[in-house]
Amino acid sequence: QVQLVESGGGLVQAGGSLRLTCVASQKIFSIKVMGWHRQAPGKEREWVAVVISSGTTGYADSVKGRFTLSRDNPKNTMYLQMNSLKSEDTAVYYCNIRTTSDEDFWGKGTLVTVSS
């Protein structure tokens, strides 16, 4: 029903920046949490950054101070600004929305590759 589409991934040098975008196909009125997760090659998927409807954000320790999650609610869009990128940030990044009824919507992912 709801489609999420990520964009903005690519190849970047260590120390560089990228901005990921997630656009939802329709407005969701019962969001509990939305955010970004990532999965590096050979590793489990992990959460990176989340935000609740009030605007309160949370970040994984590995990215805190470097990544920033933001939203543009009228456009059904959220962003992940990634600065000071490191090789260990290389992963497929997924957009996620969880509703108050614990229904999850996922994008198909966008690949971020950080070269050292």
Protein backbone atom coordinates (compact mmCIF):
# COMPACT_ATOMS: atom_id res chain seq x y z
CA GLN A 1 0.00 0.00 0.00
CA VAL A 2 2.55 2.57 1.14
CA GLN A 3 5.72 2.77 -0.91
CA LEU A 4 8.96 4.28 0.34
CA VAL A 5 11.66 5.26 -2.11
CA GLU A 6 15.20 6.13 -1.07
CA SER A 7 17.68 8.09 -3.12
CA GLY A 8 20.99 9.86 -2.72
CA GLY A 9 23.37 6.97 -2.25
CA GLY A 10 26.60 6.67 -4.14
CA LEU A 11 30.36 6.48 -3.92
CA VAL A 12 32.13 9.04 -1.76
CA GLN A 13 35.59 9.50 -0.31
CA ALA A 14 36.15 9.16 3.41
CA GLY A 15 35.49 12.49 5.08
CA GLY A 16 32.90 13.44 2.51
CA SER A 17 29.16 13.94 2.79
CA LEU A 18 25.96 12.57 1.32
CA ARG A 19 22.30 13.35 1.85
CA LEU A 20 19.81 10.53 1.59
CA THR A 21 16.15 11.16 0.83
CA CYS A 22 13.12 9.01 1.54
CA VAL A 23 9.77 9.83 -0.04
CA ALA A 24 6.53 8.13 0.96
CA SER A 25 3.85 7.58 -1.66
CA GLN A 26 1.11 8.76 0.66
CA LYS A 27 0.54 10.42 4.01
CA ILE A 28 0.52 8.15 7.06
CA PHE A 29 -1.39 9.51 10.04
CA SER A 30 -0.46 6.93 12.65
CA ILE A 31 3.31 6.90 12.68
CA LYS A 32 5.04 5.70 15.82
CA VAL A 33 8.63 5.91 14.63
CA MET A 34 10.38 6.58 11.36
CA GLY A 35 14.02 6.46 10.51
CA TRP A 36 16.96 4.93 8.77
CA HIS A 37 18.59 1.53 9.09
CA ARG A 38 21.61 0.10 7.33
CA GLN A 39 23.10 -3.25 6.49
CA ALA A 40 26.78 -3.63 5.70
CA PRO A 41 28.08 -6.62 3.72
CA GLY A 42 28.13 -9.73 5.89
CA LYS A 43 26.57 -7.95 8.86
CA GLU A 44 23.15 -7.71 10.47
CA ARG A 45 20.85 -4.80 9.79
CA GLU A 46 21.18 -2.08 12.41
CA TRP A 47 19.30 1.08 13.20
CA VAL A 48 21.04 4.35 12.47
CA ALA A 49 18.69 7.22 13.22
CA VAL A 50 15.05 7.52 14.27
CA VAL A 51 12.54 10.26 14.89
CA ILE A 52 9.11 10.29 16.53
CA SER A 53 6.21 12.55 15.59
CA SER A 54 7.15 15.17 18.17
CA GLY A 55 10.47 15.63 16.42
CA THR A 56 12.60 13.92 19.03
CA THR A 57 15.49 12.10 17.41
CA GLY A 58 17.82 9.31 18.38
CA TYR A 59 21.09 8.17 16.85
CA ALA A 60 23.23 5.10 17.06
CA ASP A 61 26.49 5.73 18.88
CA SER A 62 28.44 4.95 15.74
CA VAL A 63 26.94 7.90 13.85
CA LYS A 64 26.08 10.38 16.58
CA GLY A 65 27.53 13.78 15.84
CA ARG A 66 27.99 12.97 12.17
CA PHE A 67 24.50 12.10 10.89
CA THR A 68 21.36 14.20 11.14
CA LEU A 69 17.79 13.06 10.49
CA SER A 70 15.25 15.64 9.37
CA ARG A 71 11.73 15.72 7.96
CA ASP A 72 9.63 17.71 5.54
CA ASN A 73 6.17 16.61 6.58
CA PRO A 74 4.15 18.42 3.87
CA LYS A 75 6.20 16.54 1.27
CA ASN A 76 6.05 13.16 3.07
CA THR A 77 9.82 13.21 3.00
CA MET A 78 12.66 12.60 5.40
CA TYR A 79 16.38 13.00 5.00
CA LEU A 80 19.59 11.66 6.42
CA GLN A 81 22.47 14.09 6.22
CA MET A 82 25.71 12.14 6.54
CA ASN A 83 28.91 14.04 7.21
CA SER A 84 32.47 12.97 7.94
CA LEU A 85 31.80 9.63 6.33
CA LYS A 86 33.98 6.67 7.23
CA SER A 87 34.68 3.40 5.46
CA GLU A 88 32.64 1.59 8.11
CA ASP A 89 29.57 3.58 7.02
CA THR A 90 29.51 1.58 3.79
CA ALA A 91 26.15 -0.18 3.68
CA VAL A 92 22.76 -0.32 2.07
CA TYR A 93 20.62 2.27 3.81
CA TYR A 94 16.91 1.61 4.26
CA CYS A 95 14.08 3.99 5.02
CA ASN A 96 11.54 2.71 7.56
CA ILE A 97 8.20 3.80 8.96
CA ARG A 98 6.49 1.98 11.82
CA THR A 99 2.85 2.74 12.55
CA THR A 100 1.14 2.81 15.92
CA SER A 101 -0.24 -0.63 15.11
CA ASP A 102 3.34 -1.87 14.56
CA GLU A 103 3.05 -2.19 10.82
CA ASP A 104 6.40 -1.66 9.11
CA PHE A 105 7.02 -0.09 5.74
CA TRP A 106 10.45 -0.36 4.15
CA GLY A 107 12.14 1.08 1.14
CA LYS A 108 14.27 -1.08 -1.10
CA GLY A 109 17.47 0.61 -0.02
CA THR A 110 20.14 2.85 -1.44
CA LEU A 111 23.81 1.88 -1.46
CA VAL A 112 26.39 4.11 0.19
CA THR A 113 30.02 3.24 -0.50
CA VAL A 114 32.75 5.13 1.32
CA SER A 115 36.25 4.66 -0.03
CA SER A 116 39.38 5.15 2.03
